[in-house]
Every structure is written in C-alpha cells, then in structure tokens.
Amino acid sequence: PEDTAVYFCHADFGVGPNWRYWGQGTQ
C-alpha cells in the first residue's frame, strides 16, 4: 500500500539541460 503514488518517468539524453524530460505521471 505504501507504493501508492503518482509515478513519473524521467529521461536524460545526456546532451544538455534541454534534453531532460518528464513523463505526464500515472497513478
């Protein structure tokens, strides 16, 4: 039950700050 949360993926493409992105989140 403690795993209950909104989960977000994150990706860093390693080429600069403008290449870091978040997913929309999923419950």
mmCIF file of all heavy atoms, coordinates in Angstrom:
data_MODEL
# 
_entry.id   MODEL 
# 
loop_
_atom_site.group_PDB 
_atom_site.id 
_atom_site.type_symbol 
_atom_site.label_atom_id 
_atom_site.label_alt_id 
_atom_site.label_comp_id 
_atom_site.label_asym_id 
_atom_site.label_entity_id 
_atom_site.label_seq_id 
_atom_site.pdbx_PDB_ins_code 
_atom_site.Cartn_x 
_atom_site.Cartn_y 
_atom_site.Cartn_z 
_atom_site.occupancy 
_atom_site.B_iso_or_equiv 
_atom_site.pdbx_formal_charge 
_atom_site.auth_seq_id 
_atom_site.auth_comp_id 
_atom_site.auth_asym_id 
_atom_site.auth_atom_id 
_atom_site.pdbx_PDB_model_num 
ATOM 1   N N   . PRO A 1 1  ? 0.807  -1.225 0.000   1.00 0.00 ? 1  PRO A N   1 
ATOM 2   C CA  . PRO A 1 1  ? 0.000  0.000  0.000   1.00 0.00 ? 1  PRO A CA  1 
ATOM 3   C C   . PRO A 1 1  ? 0.839  1.273  0.000   1.00 0.00 ? 1  PRO A C   1 
ATOM 4   O O   . PRO A 1 1  ? 0.427  2.282  -0.579  1.00 0.00 ? 1  PRO A O   1 
ATOM 5   C CB  . PRO A 1 1  ? -0.829 -0.130 1.280   1.00 0.00 ? 1  PRO A CB  1 
ATOM 6   C CG  . PRO A 1 1  ? -0.974 -1.601 1.468   1.00 0.00 ? 1  PRO A CG  1 
ATOM 7   C CD  . PRO A 1 1  ? 0.343  -2.180 1.023   1.00 0.00 ? 1  PRO A CD  1 
ATOM 8   N N   . GLU A 1 2  ? 1.996  1.233  0.617   1.00 0.00 ? 2  GLU A N   1 
ATOM 9   C CA  . GLU A 1 2  ? 2.868  2.396  0.665   1.00 0.00 ? 2  GLU A CA  1 
ATOM 10  C C   . GLU A 1 2  ? 3.444  2.761  -0.693  1.00 0.00 ? 2  GLU A C   1 
ATOM 11  O O   . GLU A 1 2  ? 4.021  3.838  -0.852  1.00 0.00 ? 2  GLU A O   1 
ATOM 12  C CB  . GLU A 1 2  ? 4.010  2.166  1.664   1.00 0.00 ? 2  GLU A CB  1 
ATOM 13  C CG  . GLU A 1 2  ? 4.962  1.050  1.256   1.00 0.00 ? 2  GLU A CG  1 
ATOM 14  C CD  . GLU A 1 2  ? 5.860  0.596  2.396   1.00 0.00 ? 2  GLU A CD  1 
ATOM 15  O OE1 . GLU A 1 2  ? 5.328  -0.047 3.330   1.00 0.00 ? 2  GLU A OE1 1 
ATOM 16  O OE2 . GLU A 1 2  ? 7.066  0.896  2.365   1.00 0.00 ? 2  GLU A OE2 1 
ATOM 17  N N   . ASP A 1 3  ? 3.306  1.878  -1.678  1.00 0.00 ? 3  ASP A N   1 
ATOM 18  C CA  . ASP A 1 3  ? 3.744  2.187  -3.035  1.00 0.00 ? 3  ASP A CA  1 
ATOM 19  C C   . ASP A 1 3  ? 2.750  3.064  -3.780  1.00 0.00 ? 3  ASP A C   1 
ATOM 20  O O   . ASP A 1 3  ? 3.039  3.517  -4.890  1.00 0.00 ? 3  ASP A O   1 
ATOM 21  C CB  . ASP A 1 3  ? 3.972  0.899  -3.827  1.00 0.00 ? 3  ASP A CB  1 
ATOM 22  C CG  . ASP A 1 3  ? 5.092  0.046  -3.266  1.00 0.00 ? 3  ASP A CG  1 
ATOM 23  O OD1 . ASP A 1 3  ? 6.130  0.614  -2.870  1.00 0.00 ? 3  ASP A OD1 1 
ATOM 24  O OD2 . ASP A 1 3  ? 4.936  -1.191 -3.227  1.00 0.00 ? 3  ASP A OD2 1 
ATOM 25  N N   . THR A 1 4  ? 1.585  3.283  -3.205  1.00 0.00 ? 4  THR A N   1 
ATOM 26  C CA  . THR A 1 4  ? 0.570  4.113  -3.831  1.00 0.00 ? 4  THR A CA  1 
ATOM 27  C C   . THR A 1 4  ? 1.101  5.530  -4.032  1.00 0.00 ? 4  THR A C   1 
ATOM 28  O O   . THR A 1 4  ? 1.522  6.188  -3.085  1.00 0.00 ? 4  THR A O   1 
ATOM 29  C CB  . THR A 1 4  ? -0.701 4.146  -2.983  1.00 0.00 ? 4  THR A CB  1 
ATOM 30  O OG1 . THR A 1 4  ? -1.262 2.829  -2.910  1.00 0.00 ? 4  THR A OG1 1 
ATOM 31  C CG2 . THR A 1 4  ? -1.734 5.082  -3.591  1.00 0.00 ? 4  THR A CG2 1 
ATOM 32  N N   . ALA A 1 5  ? 1.079  5.989  -5.274  1.00 0.00 ? 5  ALA A N   1 
ATOM 33  C CA  . ALA A 1 5  ? 1.619  7.307  -5.616  1.00 0.00 ? 5  ALA A CA  1 
ATOM 34  C C   . ALA A 1 5  ? 1.411  7.549  -7.102  1.00 0.00 ? 5  ALA A C   1 
ATOM 35  O O   . ALA A 1 5  ? 1.001  6.657  -7.841  1.00 0.00 ? 5  ALA A O   1 
ATOM 36  C CB  . ALA A 1 5  ? 3.112  7.388  -5.278  1.00 0.00 ? 5  ALA A CB  1 
ATOM 37  N N   . VAL A 1 6  ? 1.688  8.769  -7.513  1.00 0.00 ? 6  VAL A N   1 
ATOM 38  C CA  . VAL A 1 6  ? 1.798  9.071  -8.931  1.00 0.00 ? 6  VAL A CA  1 
ATOM 39  C C   . VAL A 1 6  ? 3.246  8.842  -9.335  1.00 0.00 ? 6  VAL A C   1 
ATOM 40  O O   . VAL A 1 6  ? 4.169  9.373  -8.708  1.00 0.00 ? 6  VAL A O   1 
ATOM 41  C CB  . VAL A 1 6  ? 1.373  10.512 -9.244  1.00 0.00 ? 6  VAL A CB  1 
ATOM 42  C CG1 . VAL A 1 6  ? 1.574  10.821 -10.728 1.00 0.00 ? 6  VAL A CG1 1 
ATOM 43  C CG2 . VAL A 1 6  ? -0.083 10.735 -8.858  1.00 0.00 ? 6  VAL A CG2 1 
ATOM 44  N N   . TYR A 1 7  ? 3.442  8.057  -10.365 1.00 0.00 ? 7  TYR A N   1 
ATOM 45  C CA  . TYR A 1 7  ? 4.778  7.704  -10.823 1.00 0.00 ? 7  TYR A CA  1 
ATOM 46  C C   . TYR A 1 7  ? 5.116  8.475  -12.087 1.00 0.00 ? 7  TYR A C   1 
ATOM 47  O O   . TYR A 1 7  ? 4.315  8.558  -13.021 1.00 0.00 ? 7  TYR A O   1 
ATOM 48  C CB  . TYR A 1 7  ? 4.872  6.201  -11.088 1.00 0.00 ? 7  TYR A CB  1 
ATOM 49  C CG  . TYR A 1 7  ? 4.973  5.379  -9.826  1.00 0.00 ? 7  TYR A CG  1 
ATOM 50  C CD1 . TYR A 1 7  ? 3.893  5.267  -8.960  1.00 0.00 ? 7  TYR A CD1 1 
ATOM 51  C CD2 . TYR A 1 7  ? 6.157  4.725  -9.485  1.00 0.00 ? 7  TYR A CD2 1 
ATOM 52  C CE1 . TYR A 1 7  ? 3.983  4.534  -7.791  1.00 0.00 ? 7  TYR A CE1 1 
ATOM 53  C CE2 . TYR A 1 7  ? 6.252  3.984  -8.325  1.00 0.00 ? 7  TYR A CE2 1 
ATOM 54  C CZ  . TYR A 1 7  ? 5.164  3.892  -7.478  1.00 0.00 ? 7  TYR A CZ  1 
ATOM 55  O OH  . TYR A 1 7  ? 5.262  3.155  -6.325  1.00 0.00 ? 7  TYR A OH  1 
ATOM 56  N N   . PHE A 1 8  ? 6.315  9.033  -12.110 1.00 0.00 ? 8  PHE A N   1 
ATOM 57  C CA  . PHE A 1 8  ? 6.789  9.831  -13.228 1.00 0.00 ? 8  PHE A CA  1 
ATOM 58  C C   . PHE A 1 8  ? 8.067  9.222  -13.795 1.00 0.00 ? 8  PHE A C   1 
ATOM 59  O O   . PHE A 1 8  ? 9.000  8.942  -13.045 1.00 0.00 ? 8  PHE A O   1 
ATOM 60  C CB  . PHE A 1 8  ? 7.101  11.272 -12.800 1.00 0.00 ? 8  PHE A CB  1 
ATOM 61  C CG  . PHE A 1 8  ? 5.935  12.023 -12.230 1.00 0.00 ? 8  PHE A CG  1 
ATOM 62  C CD1 . PHE A 1 8  ? 5.617  11.935 -10.886 1.00 0.00 ? 8  PHE A CD1 1 
ATOM 63  C CD2 . PHE A 1 8  ? 5.169  12.842 -13.043 1.00 0.00 ? 8  PHE A CD2 1 
ATOM 64  C CE1 . PHE A 1 8  ? 4.553  12.638 -10.355 1.00 0.00 ? 8  PHE A CE1 1 
ATOM 65  C CE2 . PHE A 1 8  ? 4.101  13.553 -12.527 1.00 0.00 ? 8  PHE A CE2 1 
ATOM 66  C CZ  . PHE A 1 8  ? 3.789  13.448 -11.184 1.00 0.00 ? 8  PHE A CZ  1 
ATOM 67  N N   . CYS A 1 9  ? 8.118  9.037  -15.087 1.00 0.00 ? 9  CYS A N   1 
ATOM 68  C CA  . CYS A 1 9  ? 9.383  8.657  -15.693 1.00 0.00 ? 9  CYS A CA  1 
ATOM 69  C C   . CYS A 1 9  ? 10.173 9.910  -16.028 1.00 0.00 ? 9  CYS A C   1 
ATOM 70  O O   . CYS A 1 9  ? 9.619  11.000 -16.212 1.00 0.00 ? 9  CYS A O   1 
ATOM 71  C CB  . CYS A 1 9  ? 9.177  7.787  -16.932 1.00 0.00 ? 9  CYS A CB  1 
ATOM 72  S SG  . CYS A 1 9  ? 8.360  8.584  -18.331 1.00 0.00 ? 9  CYS A SG  1 
ATOM 73  N N   . HIS A 1 10 ? 11.478 9.752  -16.082 1.00 0.00 ? 10 HIS A N   1 
ATOM 74  C CA  . HIS A 1 10 ? 12.368 10.850 -16.411 1.00 0.00 ? 10 HIS A CA  1 
ATOM 75  C C   . HIS A 1 10 ? 13.459 10.321 -17.318 1.00 0.00 ? 10 HIS A C   1 
ATOM 76  O O   . HIS A 1 10 ? 13.997 9.240  -17.089 1.00 0.00 ? 10 HIS A O   1 
ATOM 77  C CB  . HIS A 1 10 ? 12.977 11.458 -15.145 1.00 0.00 ? 10 HIS A CB  1 
ATOM 78  C CG  . HIS A 1 10 ? 13.852 12.640 -15.411 1.00 0.00 ? 10 HIS A CG  1 
ATOM 79  N ND1 . HIS A 1 10 ? 15.211 12.524 -15.638 1.00 0.00 ? 10 HIS A ND1 1 
ATOM 80  C CD2 . HIS A 1 10 ? 13.560 13.962 -15.497 1.00 0.00 ? 10 HIS A CD2 1 
ATOM 81  C CE1 . HIS A 1 10 ? 15.716 13.724 -15.847 1.00 0.00 ? 10 HIS A CE1 1 
ATOM 82  N NE2 . HIS A 1 10 ? 14.735 14.604 -15.768 1.00 0.00 ? 10 HIS A NE2 1 
ATOM 83  N N   . ALA A 1 11 ? 13.781 11.087 -18.335 1.00 0.00 ? 11 ALA A N   1 
ATOM 84  C CA  . ALA A 1 11 ? 14.817 10.695 -19.279 1.00 0.00 ? 11 ALA A CA  1 
ATOM 85  C C   . ALA A 1 11 ? 15.798 11.832 -19.475 1.00 0.00 ? 11 ALA A C   1 
ATOM 86  O O   . ALA A 1 11 ? 15.401 12.978 -19.704 1.00 0.00 ? 11 ALA A O   1 
ATOM 87  C CB  . ALA A 1 11 ? 14.210 10.292 -20.621 1.00 0.00 ? 11 ALA A CB  1 
ATOM 88  N N   . ASP A 1 12 ? 17.060 11.509 -19.373 1.00 0.00 ? 12 ASP A N   1 
ATOM 89  C CA  . ASP A 1 12 ? 18.146 12.440 -19.631 1.00 0.00 ? 12 ASP A CA  1 
ATOM 90  C C   . ASP A 1 12 ? 18.922 11.893 -20.820 1.00 0.00 ? 12 ASP A C   1 
ATOM 91  O O   . ASP A 1 12 ? 19.494 10.802 -20.738 1.00 0.00 ? 12 ASP A O   1 
ATOM 92  C CB  . ASP A 1 12 ? 19.042 12.559 -18.397 1.00 0.00 ? 12 ASP A CB  1 
ATOM 93  C CG  . ASP A 1 12 ? 20.118 13.624 -18.544 1.00 0.00 ? 12 ASP A CG  1 
ATOM 94  O OD1 . ASP A 1 12 ? 20.460 13.996 -19.680 1.00 0.00 ? 12 ASP A OD1 1 
ATOM 95  O OD2 . ASP A 1 12 ? 20.635 14.089 -17.503 1.00 0.00 ? 12 ASP A OD2 1 
ATOM 96  N N   . PHE A 1 13 ? 18.922 12.638 -21.902 1.00 0.00 ? 13 PHE A N   1 
ATOM 97  C CA  . PHE A 1 13 ? 19.590 12.174 -23.107 1.00 0.00 ? 13 PHE A CA  1 
ATOM 98  C C   . PHE A 1 13 ? 21.077 12.473 -23.117 1.00 0.00 ? 13 PHE A C   1 
ATOM 99  O O   . PHE A 1 13 ? 21.770 12.092 -24.053 1.00 0.00 ? 13 PHE A O   1 
ATOM 100 C CB  . PHE A 1 13 ? 18.907 12.762 -24.341 1.00 0.00 ? 13 PHE A CB  1 
ATOM 101 C CG  . PHE A 1 13 ? 17.551 12.186 -24.592 1.00 0.00 ? 13 PHE A CG  1 
ATOM 102 C CD1 . PHE A 1 13 ? 16.432 12.702 -23.965 1.00 0.00 ? 13 PHE A CD1 1 
ATOM 103 C CD2 . PHE A 1 13 ? 17.392 11.099 -25.439 1.00 0.00 ? 13 PHE A CD2 1 
ATOM 104 C CE1 . PHE A 1 13 ? 15.179 12.160 -24.177 1.00 0.00 ? 13 PHE A CE1 1 
ATOM 105 C CE2 . PHE A 1 13 ? 16.143 10.552 -25.667 1.00 0.00 ? 13 PHE A CE2 1 
ATOM 106 C CZ  . PHE A 1 13 ? 15.036 11.079 -25.041 1.00 0.00 ? 13 PHE A CZ  1 
ATOM 107 N N   . GLY A 1 14 ? 21.568 13.166 -22.091 1.00 0.00 ? 14 GLY A N   1 
ATOM 108 C CA  . GLY A 1 14 ? 22.995 13.336 -21.899 1.00 0.00 ? 14 GLY A CA  1 
ATOM 109 C C   . GLY A 1 14 ? 23.673 14.346 -22.787 1.00 0.00 ? 14 GLY A C   1 
ATOM 110 O O   . GLY A 1 14 ? 24.900 14.340 -22.892 1.00 0.00 ? 14 GLY A O   1 
ATOM 111 N N   . VAL A 1 15 ? 22.915 15.232 -23.405 1.00 0.00 ? 15 VAL A N   1 
ATOM 112 C CA  . VAL A 1 15 ? 23.499 16.219 -24.310 1.00 0.00 ? 15 VAL A CA  1 
ATOM 113 C C   . VAL A 1 15 ? 23.260 17.652 -23.850 1.00 0.00 ? 15 VAL A C   1 
ATOM 114 O O   . VAL A 1 15 ? 23.641 18.582 -24.552 1.00 0.00 ? 15 VAL A O   1 
ATOM 115 C CB  . VAL A 1 15 ? 22.991 16.031 -25.749 1.00 0.00 ? 15 VAL A CB  1 
ATOM 116 C CG1 . VAL A 1 15 ? 23.486 14.708 -26.307 1.00 0.00 ? 15 VAL A CG1 1 
ATOM 117 C CG2 . VAL A 1 15 ? 21.474 16.111 -25.805 1.00 0.00 ? 15 VAL A CG2 1 
ATOM 118 N N   . GLY A 1 16 ? 22.645 17.829 -22.681 1.00 0.00 ? 16 GLY A N   1 
ATOM 119 C CA  . GLY A 1 16 ? 22.432 19.158 -22.147 1.00 0.00 ? 16 GLY A CA  1 
ATOM 120 C C   . GLY A 1 16 ? 21.144 19.282 -21.368 1.00 0.00 ? 16 GLY A C   1 
ATOM 121 O O   . GLY A 1 16 ? 20.274 18.405 -21.437 1.00 0.00 ? 16 GLY A O   1 
ATOM 122 N N   . PRO A 1 17 ? 20.991 20.373 -20.616 1.00 0.00 ? 17 PRO A N   1 
ATOM 123 C CA  . PRO A 1 17 ? 19.783 20.560 -19.796 1.00 0.00 ? 17 PRO A CA  1 
ATOM 124 C C   . PRO A 1 17 ? 18.485 20.558 -20.584 1.00 0.00 ? 17 PRO A C   1 
ATOM 125 O O   . PRO A 1 17 ? 17.441 20.199 -20.038 1.00 0.00 ? 17 PRO A O   1 
ATOM 126 C CB  . PRO A 1 17 ? 20.017 21.924 -19.137 1.00 0.00 ? 17 PRO A CB  1 
ATOM 127 C CG  . PRO A 1 17 ? 21.494 22.128 -19.176 1.00 0.00 ? 17 PRO A CG  1 
ATOM 128 C CD  . PRO A 1 17 ? 21.956 21.466 -20.434 1.00 0.00 ? 17 PRO A CD  1 
ATOM 129 N N   . ASN A 1 18 ? 18.521 20.967 -21.831 1.00 0.00 ? 18 ASN A N   1 
ATOM 130 C CA  . ASN A 1 18 ? 17.314 20.993 -22.641 1.00 0.00 ? 18 ASN A CA  1 
ATOM 131 C C   . ASN A 1 18 ? 16.897 19.617 -23.126 1.00 0.00 ? 18 ASN A C   1 
ATOM 132 O O   . ASN A 1 18 ? 15.861 19.489 -23.790 1.00 0.00 ? 18 ASN A O   1 
ATOM 133 C CB  . ASN A 1 18 ? 17.498 21.924 -23.834 1.00 0.00 ? 18 ASN A CB  1 
ATOM 134 C CG  . ASN A 1 18 ? 17.626 23.378 -23.433 1.00 0.00 ? 18 ASN A CG  1 
ATOM 135 O OD1 . ASN A 1 18 ? 17.113 23.792 -22.396 1.00 0.00 ? 18 ASN A OD1 1 
ATOM 136 N ND2 . ASN A 1 18 ? 18.317 24.155 -24.254 1.00 0.00 ? 18 ASN A ND2 1 
ATOM 137 N N   . TRP A 1 19 ? 17.681 18.604 -22.795 1.00 0.00 ? 19 TRP A N   1 
ATOM 138 C CA  . TRP A 1 19 ? 17.384 17.240 -23.193 1.00 0.00 ? 19 TRP A CA  1 
ATOM 139 C C   . TRP A 1 19 ? 17.038 16.375 -21.996 1.00 0.00 ? 19 TRP A C   1 
ATOM 140 O O   . TRP A 1 19 ? 17.418 15.203 -21.927 1.00 0.00 ? 19 TRP A O   1 
ATOM 141 C CB  . TRP A 1 19 ? 18.550 16.661 -23.993 1.00 0.00 ? 19 TRP A CB  1 
ATOM 142 C CG  . TRP A 1 19 ? 18.641 17.247 -25.363 1.00 0.00 ? 19 TRP A CG  1 
ATOM 143 C CD1 . TRP A 1 19 ? 19.270 18.394 -25.732 1.00 0.00 ? 19 TRP A CD1 1 
ATOM 144 C CD2 . TRP A 1 19 ? 18.043 16.722 -26.552 1.00 0.00 ? 19 TRP A CD2 1 
ATOM 145 N NE1 . TRP A 1 19 ? 19.114 18.612 -27.084 1.00 0.00 ? 19 TRP A NE1 1 
ATOM 146 C CE2 . TRP A 1 19 ? 18.363 17.595 -27.605 1.00 0.00 ? 19 TRP A CE2 1 
ATOM 147 C CE3 . TRP A 1 19 ? 17.271 15.585 -26.827 1.00 0.00 ? 19 TRP A CE3 1 
ATOM 148 C CZ2 . TRP A 1 19 ? 17.946 17.375 -28.912 1.00 0.00 ? 19 TRP A CZ2 1 
ATOM 149 C CZ3 . TRP A 1 19 ? 16.849 15.360 -28.123 1.00 0.00 ? 19 TRP A CZ3 1 
ATOM 150 C CH2 . TRP A 1 19 ? 17.189 16.257 -29.148 1.00 0.00 ? 19 TRP A CH2 1 
ATOM 151 N N   . ARG A 1 20 ? 16.346 16.955 -21.043 1.00 0.00 ? 20 ARG A N   1 
ATOM 152 C CA  . ARG A 1 20 ? 15.807 16.256 -19.897 1.00 0.00 ? 20 ARG A CA  1 
ATOM 153 C C   . ARG A 1 20 ? 14.292 16.418 -19.905 1.00 0.00 ? 20 ARG A C   1 
ATOM 154 O O   . ARG A 1 20 ? 13.790 17.537 -20.017 1.00 0.00 ? 20 ARG A O   1 
ATOM 155 C CB  . ARG A 1 20 ? 16.393 16.797 -18.585 1.00 0.00 ? 20 ARG A CB  1 
ATOM 156 C CG  . ARG A 1 20 ? 17.905 16.647 -18.487 1.00 0.00 ? 20 ARG A CG  1 
ATOM 157 C CD  . ARG A 1 20 ? 18.470 17.419 -17.312 1.00 0.00 ? 20 ARG A CD  1 
ATOM 158 N NE  . ARG A 1 20 ? 19.921 17.345 -17.260 1.00 0.00 ? 20 ARG A NE  1 
ATOM 159 C CZ  . ARG A 1 20 ? 20.689 18.097 -16.501 1.00 0.00 ? 20 ARG A CZ  1 
ATOM 160 N NH1 . ARG A 1 20 ? 20.138 19.002 -15.687 1.00 0.00 ? 20 ARG A NH1 1 
ATOM 161 N NH2 . ARG A 1 20 ? 22.002 17.962 -16.532 1.00 0.00 ? 20 ARG A NH2 1 
ATOM 162 N N   . TYR A 1 21 ? 13.577 15.308 -19.760 1.00 0.00 ? 21 TYR A N   1 
ATOM 163 C CA  . TYR A 1 21 ? 12.130 15.322 -19.915 1.00 0.00 ? 21 TYR A CA  1 
ATOM 164 C C   . TYR A 1 21 ? 11.447 14.488 -18.846 1.00 0.00 ? 21 TYR A C   1 
ATOM 165 O O   . TYR A 1 21 ? 11.998 13.503 -18.351 1.00 0.00 ? 21 TYR A O   1 
ATOM 166 C CB  . TYR A 1 21 ? 11.739 14.798 -21.304 1.00 0.00 ? 21 TYR A CB  1 
ATOM 167 C CG  . TYR A 1 21 ? 12.306 15.604 -22.437 1.00 0.00 ? 21 TYR A CG  1 
ATOM 168 C CD1 . TYR A 1 21 ? 13.526 15.264 -23.003 1.00 0.00 ? 21 TYR A CD1 1 
ATOM 169 C CD2 . TYR A 1 21 ? 11.632 16.714 -22.933 1.00 0.00 ? 21 TYR A CD2 1 
ATOM 170 C CE1 . TYR A 1 21 ? 14.055 16.008 -24.042 1.00 0.00 ? 21 TYR A CE1 1 
ATOM 171 C CE2 . TYR A 1 21 ? 12.154 17.462 -23.971 1.00 0.00 ? 21 TYR A CE2 1 
ATOM 172 C CZ  . TYR A 1 21 ? 13.367 17.100 -24.520 1.00 0.00 ? 21 TYR A CZ  1 
ATOM 173 O OH  . TYR A 1 21 ? 13.888 17.844 -25.554 1.00 0.00 ? 21 TYR A OH  1 
ATOM 174 N N   . TRP A 1 22 ? 10.227 14.886 -18.530 1.00 0.00 ? 22 TRP A N   1 
ATOM 175 C CA  . TRP A 1 22 ? 9.369  14.174 -17.606 1.00 0.00 ? 22 TRP A CA  1 
ATOM 176 C C   . TRP A 1 22 ? 8.177  13.577 -18.348 1.00 0.00 ? 22 TRP A C   1 
ATOM 177 O O   . TRP A 1 22 ? 7.644  14.178 -19.284 1.00 0.00 ? 22 TRP A O   1 
ATOM 178 C CB  . TRP A 1 22 ? 8.821  15.108 -16.525 1.00 0.00 ? 22 TRP A CB  1 
ATOM 179 C CG  . TRP A 1 22 ? 9.816  15.564 -15.518 1.00 0.00 ? 22 TRP A CG  1 
ATOM 180 C CD1 . TRP A 1 22 ? 10.505 16.736 -15.517 1.00 0.00 ? 22 TRP A CD1 1 
ATOM 181 C CD2 . TRP A 1 22 ? 10.211 14.859 -14.335 1.00 0.00 ? 22 TRP A CD2 1 
ATOM 182 N NE1 . TRP A 1 22 ? 11.319 16.815 -14.415 1.00 0.00 ? 22 TRP A NE1 1 
ATOM 183 C CE2 . TRP A 1 22 ? 11.158 15.679 -13.670 1.00 0.00 ? 22 TRP A CE2 1 
ATOM 184 C CE3 . TRP A 1 22 ? 9.860  13.624 -13.781 1.00 0.00 ? 22 TRP A CE3 1 
ATOM 185 C CZ2 . TRP A 1 22 ? 11.757 15.294 -12.469 1.00 0.00 ? 22 TRP A CZ2 1 
ATOM 186 C CZ3 . TRP A 1 22 ? 10.462 13.247 -12.592 1.00 0.00 ? 22 TRP A CZ3 1 
ATOM 187 C CH2 . TRP A 1 22 ? 11.393 14.075 -11.950 1.00 0.00 ? 22 TRP A CH2 1 
ATOM 188 N N   . GLY A 1 23 ? 7.768  12.405 -17.904 1.00 0.00 ? 23 GLY A N   1 
ATOM 189 C CA  . GLY A 1 23 ? 6.501  11.873 -18.352 1.00 0.00 ? 23 GLY A CA  1 
ATOM 190 C C   . GLY A 1 23 ? 5.350  12.584 -17.671 1.00 0.00 ? 23 GLY A C   1 
ATOM 191 O O   . GLY A 1 23 ? 5.544  13.409 -16.771 1.00 0.00 ? 23 GLY A O   1 
ATOM 192 N N   . GLN A 1 24 ? 4.142  12.281 -18.098 1.00 0.00 ? 24 GLN A N   1 
ATOM 193 C CA  . GLN A 1 24 ? 2.975  13.001 -17.591 1.00 0.00 ? 24 GLN A CA  1 
ATOM 194 C C   . GLN A 1 24 ? 2.537  12.557 -16.203 1.00 0.00 ? 24 GLN A C   1 
ATOM 195 O O   . GLN A 1 24 ? 1.752  13.251 -15.551 1.00 0.00 ? 24 GLN A O   1 
ATOM 196 C CB  . GLN A 1 24 ? 1.794  12.847 -18.569 1.00 0.00 ? 24 GLN A CB  1 
ATOM 197 C CG  . GLN A 1 24 ? 1.049  11.515 -18.489 1.00 0.00 ? 24 GLN A CG  1 
ATOM 198 C CD  . GLN A 1 24 ? 1.704  10.385 -19.251 1.00 0.00 ? 24 GLN A CD  1 
ATOM 199 O OE1 . GLN A 1 24 ? 2.834  10.495 -19.723 1.00 0.00 ? 24 GLN A OE1 1 
ATOM 200 N NE2 . GLN A 1 24 ? 0.969  9.276  -19.387 1.00 0.00 ? 24 GLN A NE2 1 
ATOM 201 N N   . GLY A 1 25 ? 3.029  11.437 -15.743 1.00 0.00 ? 25 GLY A N   1 
ATOM 202 C CA  . GLY A 1 25 ? 2.639  10.888 -14.460 1.00 0.00 ? 25 GLY A CA  1 
ATOM 203 C C   . GLY A 1 25 ? 1.488  9.913  -14.604 1.00 0.00 ? 25 GLY A C   1 
ATOM 204 O O   . GLY A 1 25 ? 0.561  10.138 -15.376 1.00 0.00 ? 25 GLY A O   1 
ATOM 205 N N   . THR A 1 26 ? 1.551  8.830  -13.858 1.00 0.00 ? 26 THR A N   1 
ATOM 206 C CA  . THR A 1 26 ? 0.491  7.838  -13.891 1.00 0.00 ? 26 THR A CA  1 
ATOM 207 C C   . THR A 1 26 ? 0.226  7.335  -12.470 1.00 0.00 ? 26 THR A C   1 
ATOM 208 O O   . THR A 1 26 ? 1.156  7.126  -11.692 1.00 0.00 ? 26 THR A O   1 
ATOM 209 C CB  . THR A 1 26 ? 0.851  6.668  -14.831 1.00 0.00 ? 26 THR A CB  1 
ATOM 210 O OG1 . THR A 1 26 ? -0.249 5.764  -14.920 1.00 0.00 ? 26 THR A OG1 1 
ATOM 211 C CG2 . THR A 1 26 ? 2.082  5.912  -14.345 1.00 0.00 ? 26 THR A CG2 1 
ATOM 212 N N   . GLN A 1 27 ? -1.035 7.155  -12.146 1.00 0.00 ? 27 GLN A N   1 
ATOM 213 C CA  . GLN A 1 27 ? -1.429 6.773  -10.796 1.00 0.00 ? 27 GLN A CA  1 
ATOM 214 C C   . GLN A 1 27 ? -1.269 5.280  -10.583 1.00 0.00 ? 27 GLN A C   1 
ATOM 215 O O   . GLN A 1 27 ? -1.753 4.468  -11.379 1.00 0.00 ? 27 GLN A O   1 
ATOM 216 C CB  . GLN A 1 27 ? -2.885 7.172  -10.533 1.00 0.00 ? 27 GLN A CB  1 
ATOM 217 C CG  . GLN A 1 27 ? -3.407 6.770  -9.155  1.00 0.00 ? 27 GLN A CG  1 
ATOM 218 C CD  . GLN A 1 27 ? -2.783 7.568  -8.044  1.00 0.00 ? 27 GLN A CD  1 
ATOM 219 O OE1 . GLN A 1 27 ? -2.706 8.801  -8.125  1.00 0.00 ? 27 GLN A OE1 1 
ATOM 220 N NE2 . GLN A 1 27 ? -2.326 6.882  -7.004  1.00 0.00 ? 27 GLN A NE2 1 
# 
